[in-house]
Amino acid sequence: MRISAASAIGLAVLLTVIGCAQRQERAEVTVGSAMFTVEVAQTDAQRERGLMHRRTLGSREGMLFVFEADQRLAFWMKDTRMPLSIAFLSSEGRILQIEDMEPLSQKAVRSRLSARYALELPRGAFAEVGAAEGDTVVLPEELR
């Protein structure tokens, strides 16, 4: 099958656009004594998808959910097979609450207080690095 140069260029542009649309922004955050590389979920679609359908997550990886304003948050583990811990964070990055979440559970885990961020890490990671409620997670300036 032959395709024209214009068709080939058009296909290359389309594949580039699709590839860019699927790339998730990443950031470095400091939690307790460790640095984590997290995917940043800032849009409704990114927050809705979260870590669903993932099979693995590195020990120093996670996802940071960013919201426009402080609010009471609720998360569930529908279609998420990995055991996770979640921390609800204030706009300054202070840990307000840490909860363990059960894989595939549709039971909502709710923040007790209004929060600006939620940080999901492999289950037990917060305790492993010495992070507790009241501590501060260091977030990149551009996400504050």
N, C-alpha and C. Protein backbone atom coordinates (compact mmCIF):
# COMPACT_ATOMS: atom_id res chain seq x y z
N MET A 1 0.84 -1.17 0.00
CA MET A 1 0.00 0.00 0.00
C MET A 1 0.89 1.24 0.00
N ARG A 2 0.56 2.19 -0.85
CA ARG A 2 1.30 3.45 -0.93
C ARG A 2 0.46 4.56 -0.35
N ILE A 3 1.14 5.44 0.40
CA ILE A 3 0.45 6.63 0.88
C ILE A 3 1.24 7.84 0.43
N SER A 4 0.53 8.92 0.25
CA SER A 4 1.19 10.15 -0.22
C SER A 4 1.99 10.78 0.92
N ALA A 5 2.88 11.69 0.54
CA ALA A 5 3.69 12.41 1.53
C ALA A 5 2.78 13.20 2.46
N ALA A 6 1.74 13.83 1.92
CA ALA A 6 0.82 14.62 2.75
C ALA A 6 0.10 13.72 3.75
N SER A 7 -0.31 12.53 3.32
CA SER A 7 -0.97 11.58 4.22
C SER A 7 -0.01 11.12 5.31
N ALA A 8 1.23 10.88 4.94
CA ALA A 8 2.23 10.44 5.91
C ALA A 8 2.47 11.52 6.96
N ILE A 9 2.55 12.78 6.52
CA ILE A 9 2.76 13.89 7.46
C ILE A 9 1.54 14.02 8.37
N GLY A 10 0.37 13.92 7.79
CA GLY A 10 -0.86 14.01 8.58
C GLY A 10 -0.93 12.92 9.63
N LEU A 11 -0.55 11.71 9.26
CA LEU A 11 -0.54 10.59 10.20
C LEU A 11 0.48 10.82 11.31
N ALA A 12 1.64 11.34 10.96
CA ALA A 12 2.68 11.61 11.96
C ALA A 12 2.19 12.66 12.96
N VAL A 13 1.53 13.71 12.47
CA VAL A 13 1.01 14.76 13.35
C VAL A 13 -0.06 14.18 14.27
N LEU A 14 -0.97 13.37 13.72
CA LEU A 14 -2.02 12.75 14.52
C LEU A 14 -1.44 11.87 15.62
N LEU A 15 -0.45 11.05 15.29
CA LEU A 15 0.17 10.17 16.29
C LEU A 15 0.89 10.98 17.38
N THR A 16 1.50 12.09 17.00
CA THR A 16 2.15 12.96 17.97
C THR A 16 1.12 13.57 18.91
N VAL A 17 0.01 14.05 18.39
CA VAL A 17 -1.04 14.65 19.20
C VAL A 17 -1.62 13.60 20.16
N ILE A 18 -1.87 12.41 19.67
CA ILE A 18 -2.40 11.34 20.53
C ILE A 18 -1.39 11.01 21.62
N GLY A 19 -0.14 10.89 21.28
CA GLY A 19 0.90 10.60 22.26
C GLY A 19 1.00 11.66 23.33
N CYS A 20 0.91 12.92 22.94
CA CYS A 20 0.97 14.02 23.91
C CYS A 20 -0.25 14.02 24.81
N ALA A 21 -1.41 13.70 24.25
CA ALA A 21 -2.64 13.70 25.03
C ALA A 21 -2.60 12.61 26.11
N GLN A 22 -1.88 11.53 25.86
CA GLN A 22 -1.85 10.43 26.80
C GLN A 22 -0.75 10.59 27.85
N ARG A 23 0.20 11.45 27.63
CA ARG A 23 1.28 11.66 28.60
C ARG A 23 0.75 12.40 29.81
N GLN A 24 1.11 11.92 30.96
CA GLN A 24 0.69 12.55 32.20
C GLN A 24 1.87 13.34 32.75
N GLU A 25 1.61 14.55 33.19
CA GLU A 25 2.67 15.35 33.81
C GLU A 25 3.16 14.63 35.07
N ARG A 26 4.46 14.71 35.31
CA ARG A 26 5.05 14.11 36.50
C ARG A 26 5.70 15.20 37.33
N ALA A 27 5.80 14.93 38.61
CA ALA A 27 6.44 15.89 39.52
C ALA A 27 7.15 15.11 40.62
N GLU A 28 8.07 15.78 41.27
CA GLU A 28 8.78 15.21 42.42
C GLU A 28 8.19 15.84 43.69
N VAL A 29 7.85 14.99 44.66
CA VAL A 29 7.37 15.47 45.95
C VAL A 29 8.20 14.81 47.04
N THR A 30 8.40 15.51 48.13
CA THR A 30 9.13 14.95 49.26
C THR A 30 8.14 14.64 50.36
N VAL A 31 8.16 13.37 50.76
CA VAL A 31 7.28 12.88 51.82
C VAL A 31 8.16 12.26 52.88
N GLY A 32 8.10 12.80 54.09
CA GLY A 32 8.97 12.29 55.14
C GLY A 32 10.42 12.36 54.70
N SER A 33 11.09 11.22 54.73
CA SER A 33 12.52 11.18 54.40
C SER A 33 12.81 10.81 52.94
N ALA A 34 11.78 10.75 52.09
CA ALA A 34 11.98 10.25 50.73
C ALA A 34 11.36 11.14 49.67
N MET A 35 11.91 11.02 48.46
CA MET A 35 11.36 11.70 47.30
C MET A 35 10.55 10.68 46.49
N PHE A 36 9.39 11.11 46.00
CA PHE A 36 8.53 10.27 45.18
C PHE A 36 8.30 10.97 43.84
N THR A 37 8.26 10.18 42.79
CA THR A 37 7.87 10.69 41.47
C THR A 37 6.39 10.36 41.31
N VAL A 38 5.59 11.40 41.13
CA VAL A 38 4.15 11.21 41.05
C VAL A 38 3.60 11.74 39.74
N GLU A 39 2.59 11.07 39.24
CA GLU A 39 1.83 11.60 38.12
C GLU A 39 0.88 12.64 38.70
N VAL A 40 0.65 13.70 37.96
CA VAL A 40 -0.19 14.79 38.44
C VAL A 40 -1.53 14.73 37.71
N ALA A 41 -2.61 14.61 38.48
CA ALA A 41 -3.97 14.57 37.94
C ALA A 41 -4.62 15.91 38.26
N GLN A 42 -4.76 16.76 37.22
CA GLN A 42 -5.30 18.11 37.43
C GLN A 42 -6.64 18.32 36.75
N THR A 43 -6.95 17.51 35.75
CA THR A 43 -8.23 17.68 35.05
C THR A 43 -9.24 16.69 35.60
N ASP A 44 -10.51 16.94 35.33
CA ASP A 44 -11.55 16.01 35.77
C ASP A 44 -11.29 14.61 35.23
N ALA A 45 -10.93 14.52 33.95
CA ALA A 45 -10.69 13.21 33.33
C ALA A 45 -9.51 12.50 33.98
N GLN A 46 -8.43 13.22 34.24
CA GLN A 46 -7.25 12.61 34.89
C GLN A 46 -7.59 12.16 36.31
N ARG A 47 -8.33 12.99 37.04
CA ARG A 47 -8.69 12.62 38.42
C ARG A 47 -9.64 11.43 38.43
N GLU A 48 -10.56 11.38 37.47
CA GLU A 48 -11.50 10.26 37.41
C GLU A 48 -10.79 8.95 37.09
N ARG A 49 -9.82 8.99 36.21
CA ARG A 49 -9.08 7.78 35.81
C ARG A 49 -8.11 7.35 36.91
N GLY A 50 -7.43 8.31 37.53
CA GLY A 50 -6.51 7.99 38.61
C GLY A 50 -5.55 6.87 38.25
N LEU A 51 -5.41 5.92 39.13
CA LEU A 51 -4.50 4.78 38.92
C LEU A 51 -5.26 3.51 38.50
N MET A 52 -6.48 3.69 38.00
CA MET A 52 -7.28 2.54 37.57
C MET A 52 -6.55 1.75 36.48
N HIS A 53 -6.76 0.46 36.50
CA HIS A 53 -6.26 -0.48 35.49
C HIS A 53 -4.75 -0.64 35.49
N ARG A 54 -4.05 -0.09 36.46
CA ARG A 54 -2.61 -0.28 36.54
C ARG A 54 -2.34 -1.63 37.18
N ARG A 55 -1.29 -2.26 36.75
CA ARG A 55 -0.89 -3.55 37.33
C ARG A 55 0.22 -3.38 38.36
N THR A 56 1.05 -2.34 38.17
CA THR A 56 2.17 -2.13 39.08
C THR A 56 2.35 -0.64 39.37
N LEU A 57 3.05 -0.39 40.45
CA LEU A 57 3.42 0.96 40.84
C LEU A 57 4.73 0.82 41.59
N GLY A 58 5.73 1.59 41.20
CA GLY A 58 7.03 1.52 41.86
C GLY A 58 6.94 1.94 43.33
N SER A 59 7.88 1.51 44.12
CA SER A 59 7.85 1.81 45.56
C SER A 59 7.97 3.30 45.86
N ARG A 60 8.50 4.08 44.93
CA ARG A 60 8.63 5.52 45.12
C ARG A 60 7.85 6.28 44.04
N GLU A 61 6.70 5.71 43.65
CA GLU A 61 5.82 6.34 42.67
C GLU A 61 4.43 6.51 43.27
N GLY A 62 3.64 7.38 42.64
CA GLY A 62 2.28 7.59 43.10
C GLY A 62 1.55 8.56 42.20
N MET A 63 0.46 9.10 42.72
CA MET A 63 -0.33 10.07 41.98
C MET A 63 -0.76 11.19 42.91
N LEU A 64 -0.60 12.42 42.44
CA LEU A 64 -1.03 13.60 43.17
C LEU A 64 -2.25 14.17 42.47
N PHE A 65 -3.36 14.25 43.20
CA PHE A 65 -4.60 14.82 42.68
C PHE A 65 -4.66 16.27 43.13
N VAL A 66 -4.79 17.17 42.17
CA VAL A 66 -4.77 18.60 42.44
C VAL A 66 -6.16 19.16 42.18
N PHE A 67 -6.69 19.91 43.14
CA PHE A 67 -8.02 20.52 43.01
C PHE A 67 -7.88 22.03 43.04
N GLU A 68 -8.83 22.72 42.43
CA GLU A 68 -8.77 24.18 42.31
C GLU A 68 -9.02 24.90 43.63
N ALA A 69 -9.79 24.27 44.51
CA ALA A 69 -10.14 24.89 45.79
C ALA A 69 -10.22 23.81 46.85
N ASP A 70 -10.10 24.23 48.10
CA ASP A 70 -10.25 23.28 49.21
C ASP A 70 -11.67 22.75 49.21
N GLN A 71 -11.81 21.45 49.46
CA GLN A 71 -13.11 20.82 49.51
C GLN A 71 -13.01 19.48 50.21
N ARG A 72 -14.13 18.96 50.65
CA ARG A 72 -14.15 17.61 51.21
C ARG A 72 -14.01 16.65 50.04
N LEU A 73 -13.08 15.72 50.12
CA LEU A 73 -12.78 14.82 49.01
C LEU A 73 -13.21 13.40 49.34
N ALA A 74 -13.51 12.63 48.30
CA ALA A 74 -13.85 11.21 48.45
C ALA A 74 -13.21 10.43 47.32
N PHE A 75 -12.59 9.31 47.66
CA PHE A 75 -11.91 8.45 46.68
C PHE A 75 -12.35 7.01 46.89
N TRP A 76 -12.33 6.25 45.81
CA TRP A 76 -12.59 4.82 45.89
C TRP A 76 -11.57 4.10 45.04
N MET A 77 -11.59 2.78 45.09
CA MET A 77 -10.57 1.97 44.41
C MET A 77 -11.16 1.13 43.28
N LYS A 78 -12.28 1.55 42.73
CA LYS A 78 -12.89 0.82 41.63
C LYS A 78 -11.85 0.62 40.52
N ASP A 79 -11.69 -0.61 40.07
CA ASP A 79 -10.77 -0.97 38.98
C ASP A 79 -9.31 -0.66 39.31
N THR A 80 -8.98 -0.52 40.58
CA THR A 80 -7.59 -0.31 41.00
C THR A 80 -7.17 -1.52 41.80
N ARG A 81 -6.20 -2.27 41.26
CA ARG A 81 -5.82 -3.56 41.83
C ARG A 81 -4.70 -3.48 42.87
N MET A 82 -4.03 -2.36 42.95
CA MET A 82 -2.88 -2.25 43.85
C MET A 82 -3.32 -1.69 45.21
N PRO A 83 -2.82 -2.22 46.30
CA PRO A 83 -3.13 -1.62 47.60
C PRO A 83 -2.43 -0.27 47.73
N LEU A 84 -3.19 0.74 48.13
CA LEU A 84 -2.66 2.10 48.21
C LEU A 84 -2.95 2.70 49.58
N SER A 85 -2.18 3.72 49.91
CA SER A 85 -2.49 4.62 51.02
C SER A 85 -2.74 5.99 50.41
N ILE A 86 -3.66 6.72 51.01
CA ILE A 86 -3.96 8.07 50.52
C ILE A 86 -3.78 9.06 51.66
N ALA A 87 -3.21 10.21 51.32
CA ALA A 87 -3.11 11.31 52.28
C ALA A 87 -3.87 12.49 51.70
N PHE A 88 -4.71 13.08 52.51
CA PHE A 88 -5.39 14.31 52.13
C PHE A 88 -4.53 15.45 52.66
N LEU A 89 -4.24 16.43 51.78
CA LEU A 89 -3.30 17.51 52.10
C LEU A 89 -3.99 18.87 52.04
N SER A 90 -3.56 19.77 52.91
CA SER A 90 -4.03 21.16 52.88
C SER A 90 -3.39 21.89 51.70
N SER A 91 -3.79 23.12 51.48
CA SER A 91 -3.21 23.91 50.39
C SER A 91 -1.73 24.19 50.63
N GLU A 92 -1.26 24.07 51.86
CA GLU A 92 0.17 24.25 52.18
C GLU A 92 0.94 22.93 52.10
N GLY A 93 0.24 21.82 51.86
CA GLY A 93 0.88 20.52 51.80
C GLY A 93 0.89 19.77 53.12
N ARG A 94 0.23 20.31 54.15
CA ARG A 94 0.19 19.64 55.46
C ARG A 94 -0.71 18.40 55.37
N ILE A 95 -0.23 17.29 55.89
CA ILE A 95 -1.00 16.04 55.88
C ILE A 95 -2.12 16.15 56.91
N LEU A 96 -3.36 16.12 56.42
CA LEU A 96 -4.53 16.22 57.28
C LEU A 96 -5.01 14.85 57.75
N GLN A 97 -4.78 13.83 56.91
CA GLN A 97 -5.33 12.50 57.19
C GLN A 97 -4.63 11.50 56.28
N ILE A 98 -4.37 10.31 56.80
CA ILE A 98 -3.82 9.21 56.00
C ILE A 98 -4.73 8.00 56.19
N GLU A 99 -5.08 7.36 55.09
CA GLU A 99 -5.94 6.17 55.13
C GLU A 99 -5.38 5.10 54.20
N ASP A 100 -5.52 3.84 54.57
CA ASP A 100 -5.22 2.73 53.66
C ASP A 100 -6.48 2.43 52.87
N MET A 101 -6.29 2.04 51.61
CA MET A 101 -7.42 1.76 50.72
C MET A 101 -7.32 0.32 50.22
N GLU A 102 -8.47 -0.33 50.10
CA GLU A 102 -8.54 -1.73 49.68
C GLU A 102 -8.67 -1.83 48.16
N PRO A 103 -7.85 -2.67 47.54
CA PRO A 103 -7.95 -2.86 46.08
C PRO A 103 -9.38 -3.24 45.68
N LEU A 104 -9.83 -2.65 44.58
CA LEU A 104 -11.11 -2.93 43.94
C LEU A 104 -12.33 -2.54 44.77
N SER A 105 -12.14 -1.91 45.91
CA SER A 105 -13.26 -1.52 46.76
C SER A 105 -14.00 -0.32 46.16
N GLN A 106 -15.32 -0.36 46.26
CA GLN A 106 -16.13 0.78 45.83
C GLN A 106 -16.60 1.60 47.02
N LYS A 107 -16.07 1.27 48.21
CA LYS A 107 -16.38 2.05 49.41
C LYS A 107 -15.56 3.34 49.38
N ALA A 108 -16.23 4.47 49.53
CA ALA A 108 -15.55 5.76 49.48
C ALA A 108 -14.72 5.99 50.74
N VAL A 109 -13.52 6.51 50.55
CA VAL A 109 -12.68 6.99 51.64
C VAL A 109 -12.77 8.51 51.58
N ARG A 110 -13.29 9.10 52.64
CA ARG A 110 -13.59 10.53 52.64
C ARG A 110 -12.64 11.31 53.55
N SER A 111 -12.32 12.53 53.13
CA SER A 111 -11.51 13.41 53.98
C SER A 111 -12.40 13.96 55.10
N ARG A 112 -11.85 14.02 56.29
CA ARG A 112 -12.59 14.57 57.43
C ARG A 112 -12.68 16.09 57.33
N LEU A 113 -11.65 16.69 56.70
CA LEU A 113 -11.58 18.15 56.55
C LEU A 113 -11.48 18.50 55.07
N SER A 114 -11.70 19.76 54.75
CA SER A 114 -11.50 20.21 53.38
C SER A 114 -10.01 20.12 53.04
N ALA A 115 -9.72 19.65 51.85
CA ALA A 115 -8.34 19.46 51.41
C ALA A 115 -8.18 20.01 49.99
N ARG A 116 -6.95 20.36 49.62
CA ARG A 116 -6.65 20.85 48.28
C ARG A 116 -6.06 19.75 47.41
N TYR A 117 -5.36 18.79 48.05
CA TYR A 117 -4.67 17.73 47.32
C TYR A 117 -4.98 16.38 47.96
N ALA A 118 -4.83 15.34 47.15
CA ALA A 118 -4.82 13.97 47.66
C ALA A 118 -3.60 13.29 47.03
N LEU A 119 -2.86 12.56 47.84
CA LEU A 119 -1.65 11.89 47.37
C LEU A 119 -1.79 10.40 47.61
N GLU A 120 -1.77 9.63 46.51
CA GLU A 120 -1.83 8.17 46.61
C GLU A 120 -0.43 7.59 46.40
N LEU A 121 -0.04 6.74 47.33
CA LEU A 121 1.25 6.05 47.28
C LEU A 121 1.02 4.58 47.56
N PRO A 122 2.01 3.73 47.29
CA PRO A 122 1.86 2.31 47.64
C PRO A 122 1.52 2.18 49.13
N ARG A 123 0.65 1.21 49.45
CA ARG A 123 0.21 1.05 50.83
C ARG A 123 1.40 0.94 51.78
N GLY A 124 1.34 1.71 52.84
CA GLY A 124 2.37 1.70 53.86
C GLY A 124 3.53 2.66 53.62
N ALA A 125 3.56 3.31 52.45
CA ALA A 125 4.69 4.18 52.11
C ALA A 125 4.82 5.37 53.06
N PHE A 126 3.71 5.94 53.51
CA PHE A 126 3.80 7.09 54.41
C PHE A 126 4.49 6.69 55.71
N ALA A 127 4.07 5.58 56.30
CA ALA A 127 4.69 5.10 57.54
C ALA A 127 6.14 4.71 57.30
N GLU A 128 6.41 4.09 56.17
CA GLU A 128 7.76 3.63 55.84
C GLU A 128 8.78 4.77 55.81
N VAL A 129 8.34 5.95 55.36
CA VAL A 129 9.26 7.09 55.26
C VAL A 129 9.11 8.06 56.43
N GLY A 130 8.36 7.65 57.45
CA GLY A 130 8.22 8.45 58.65
C GLY A 130 7.28 9.63 58.55
N ALA A 131 6.33 9.59 57.62
CA ALA A 131 5.38 10.70 57.46
C ALA A 131 4.11 10.40 58.25
N ALA A 132 3.59 11.42 58.91
CA ALA A 132 2.38 11.26 59.72
C ALA A 132 1.51 12.51 59.59
N GLU A 133 0.28 12.39 60.08
CA GLU A 133 -0.63 13.54 60.07
C GLU A 133 0.05 14.71 60.78
N GLY A 134 -0.07 15.89 60.19
CA GLY A 134 0.56 17.09 60.73
C GLY A 134 1.87 17.43 60.05
N ASP A 135 2.52 16.43 59.43
CA ASP A 135 3.75 16.69 58.67
C ASP A 135 3.41 17.40 57.37
N THR A 136 4.42 17.95 56.71
CA THR A 136 4.21 18.65 55.45
C THR A 136 4.89 17.90 54.31
N VAL A 137 4.15 17.74 53.23
CA VAL A 137 4.68 17.18 51.98
C VAL A 137 5.19 18.37 51.17
N VAL A 138 6.43 18.28 50.69
CA VAL A 138 6.99 19.37 49.88
C VAL A 138 6.54 19.17 48.44
N LEU A 139 5.75 20.12 47.96
CA LEU A 139 5.18 20.08 46.62
C LEU A 139 5.92 21.06 45.72
N PRO A 140 5.97 20.77 44.42
CA PRO A 140 6.59 21.72 43.49
C PRO A 140 5.84 23.07 43.51
N GLU A 141 6.58 24.14 43.42
CA GLU A 141 6.01 25.48 43.46
C GLU A 141 4.88 25.66 42.44
N GLU A 142 5.05 25.11 41.24
CA GLU A 142 4.06 25.32 40.18
C GLU A 142 2.72 24.64 40.47
N LEU A 143 2.67 23.77 41.46
CA LEU A 143 1.40 23.09 41.79
C LEU A 143 0.72 23.72 42.99
N ARG A 144 1.34 24.74 43.57
CA ARG A 144 0.72 25.39 44.74
C ARG A 144 -0.07 26.59 44.35
